[in-house]
Amino acid sequence: MNRKKQKGRIWGDVTVRYGSETLRVEEILWRLDENVLESPLPFKITGRCTVEGTGFVAKPSLGWVKVKKLKKVVLQ
């Protein structure tokens, strides 16, 4: 965590839960000043739907995710 730059890095088997959604990825960067999560790596989101892809930027507080390369979406 670099408080001066307002950035954090979490790696390993990362799981982030927000409401009914669960995000799994190997590494995530957290921009504290904007409360934005991002990663260039493969990821999977499960919950109301399933989304798989590579690379994303997300702002959980506003409920949006921008996916760089979409692999699969399953609506339930």
C-alpha atoms as a PDB file:
ATOM      1  CA  MET A   1       0.000   0.000   0.000  1.00  0.00           C
ATOM      2  CA  ASN A   2       1.449   3.348  -1.039  1.00  0.00           C
ATOM      3  CA  ARG A   3      -0.556   5.983   0.835  1.00  0.00           C
ATOM      4  CA  LYS A   4       1.388   8.849  -0.727  1.00  0.00           C
ATOM      5  CA  LYS A   5       0.447   7.735  -4.257  1.00  0.00           C
ATOM      6  CA  GLN A   6      -2.997   6.530  -3.049  1.00  0.00           C
ATOM      7  CA  LYS A   7      -2.473   3.077  -4.634  1.00  0.00           C
ATOM      8  CA  GLY A   8      -2.538  -0.448  -3.312  1.00  0.00           C
ATOM      9  CA  ARG A   9      -1.602  -3.823  -4.813  1.00  0.00           C
ATOM     10  CA  ILE A  10      -3.055  -7.137  -3.689  1.00  0.00           C
ATOM     11  CA  TRP A  11      -1.874 -10.435  -5.177  1.00  0.00           C
ATOM     12  CA  GLY A  12      -2.355 -14.157  -4.724  1.00  0.00           C
ATOM     13  CA  ASP A  13      -5.795 -15.726  -4.839  1.00  0.00           C
ATOM     14  CA  VAL A  14      -7.754 -12.445  -4.601  1.00  0.00           C
ATOM     15  CA  THR A  15     -11.501 -12.532  -3.919  1.00  0.00           C
ATOM     16  CA  VAL A  16     -13.554  -9.337  -3.766  1.00  0.00           C
ATOM     17  CA  ARG A  17     -17.218  -9.405  -2.741  1.00  0.00           C
ATOM     18  CA  TYR A  18     -19.650  -6.543  -3.335  1.00  0.00           C
ATOM     19  CA  GLY A  19     -23.323  -7.201  -2.720  1.00  0.00           C
ATOM     20  CA  SER A  20     -24.212 -10.454  -4.479  1.00  0.00           C
ATOM     21  CA  GLU A  21     -21.200 -10.297  -6.839  1.00  0.00           C
ATOM     22  CA  THR A  22     -17.862 -12.074  -6.332  1.00  0.00           C
ATOM     23  CA  LEU A  23     -14.727 -11.215  -8.310  1.00  0.00           C
ATOM     24  CA  ARG A  24     -11.767 -13.621  -8.469  1.00  0.00           C
ATOM     25  CA  VAL A  25      -8.393 -12.643  -9.926  1.00  0.00           C
ATOM     26  CA  GLU A  26      -4.684 -13.292  -9.198  1.00  0.00           C
ATOM     27  CA  GLU A  27      -3.682  -9.633  -8.770  1.00  0.00           C
ATOM     28  CA  ILE A  28      -5.583  -6.392  -8.338  1.00  0.00           C
ATOM     29  CA  LEU A  29      -4.562  -2.748  -8.186  1.00  0.00           C
ATOM     30  CA  TRP A  30      -6.646  -0.433  -6.020  1.00  0.00           C
ATOM     31  CA  ARG A  31      -6.639   3.316  -6.667  1.00  0.00           C
ATOM     32  CA  LEU A  32      -7.701   4.589  -3.248  1.00  0.00           C
ATOM     33  CA  ASP A  33      -8.375   8.189  -4.260  1.00  0.00           C
ATOM     34  CA  GLU A  34     -11.006   7.105  -6.841  1.00  0.00           C
ATOM     35  CA  ASN A  35     -11.983   3.786  -5.190  1.00  0.00           C
ATOM     36  CA  VAL A  36     -11.272   1.997  -8.491  1.00  0.00           C
ATOM     37  CA  LEU A  37     -10.084  -1.617  -8.876  1.00  0.00           C
ATOM     38  CA  GLU A  38      -8.177  -2.785 -11.948  1.00  0.00           C
ATOM     39  CA  SER A  39      -6.191  -5.714 -13.284  1.00  0.00           C
ATOM     40  CA  PRO A  40      -4.700  -6.740 -16.651  1.00  0.00           C
ATOM     41  CA  LEU A  41      -5.084 -10.454 -15.752  1.00  0.00           C
ATOM     42  CA  PRO A  42      -7.781 -13.082 -16.415  1.00  0.00           C
ATOM     43  CA  PHE A  43     -10.736 -12.763 -14.021  1.00  0.00           C
ATOM     44  CA  LYS A  44     -14.145 -14.222 -13.229  1.00  0.00           C
ATOM     45  CA  ILE A  45     -17.192 -12.457 -11.742  1.00  0.00           C
ATOM     46  CA  THR A  46     -20.074 -14.556 -10.391  1.00  0.00           C
ATOM     47  CA  GLY A  47     -23.402 -13.585  -8.859  1.00  0.00           C
ATOM     48  CA  ARG A  48     -26.481 -12.408 -10.748  1.00  0.00           C
ATOM     49  CA  CYS A  49     -24.522 -13.297 -13.903  1.00  0.00           C
ATOM     50  CA  THR A  50     -21.155 -14.843 -14.760  1.00  0.00           C
ATOM     51  CA  VAL A  51     -18.533 -12.808 -16.607  1.00  0.00           C
ATOM     52  CA  GLU A  52     -15.097 -14.077 -17.638  1.00  0.00           C
ATOM     53  CA  GLY A  53     -12.420 -12.111 -19.411  1.00  0.00           C
ATOM     54  CA  THR A  54      -8.959 -10.620 -19.315  1.00  0.00           C
ATOM     55  CA  GLY A  55      -8.304  -7.149 -17.945  1.00  0.00           C
ATOM     56  CA  PHE A  56     -10.832  -4.851 -16.305  1.00  0.00           C
ATOM     57  CA  VAL A  57     -11.410  -1.557 -14.538  1.00  0.00           C
ATOM     58  CA  ALA A  58     -14.217  -1.447 -11.943  1.00  0.00           C
ATOM     59  CA  LYS A  59     -15.860   1.075  -9.665  1.00  0.00           C
ATOM     60  CA  PRO A  60     -17.960  -1.033  -7.264  1.00  0.00           C
ATOM     61  CA  SER A  61     -19.606   1.961  -5.575  1.00  0.00           C
ATOM     62  CA  LEU A  62     -21.185   2.931  -8.922  1.00  0.00           C
ATOM     63  CA  GLY A  63     -21.800  -0.671 -10.023  1.00  0.00           C
ATOM     64  CA  TRP A  64     -19.812  -0.671 -13.260  1.00  0.00           C
ATOM     65  CA  VAL A  65     -17.061  -2.781 -14.779  1.00  0.00           C
ATOM     66  CA  LYS A  66     -15.235  -2.128 -18.066  1.00  0.00           C
ATOM     67  CA  VAL A  67     -13.802  -5.329 -19.529  1.00  0.00           C
ATOM     68  CA  LYS A  68     -10.806  -5.185 -21.886  1.00  0.00           C
ATOM     69  CA  LYS A  69     -11.196  -8.652 -23.459  1.00  0.00           C
ATOM     70  CA  LEU A  70     -14.495 -10.464 -22.882  1.00  0.00           C
ATOM     71  CA  LYS A  71     -14.399 -14.258 -22.961  1.00  0.00           C
ATOM     72  CA  LYS A  72     -17.823 -15.355 -21.678  1.00  0.00           C
ATOM     73  CA  VAL A  73     -21.070 -13.950 -20.237  1.00  0.00           C
ATOM     74  CA  VAL A  74     -23.885 -16.047 -18.796  1.00  0.00           C
ATOM     75  CA  LEU A  75     -27.084 -14.280 -17.733  1.00  0.00           C
ATOM     76  CA  GLN A  76     -29.163 -16.086 -15.141  1.00  0.00           C
END
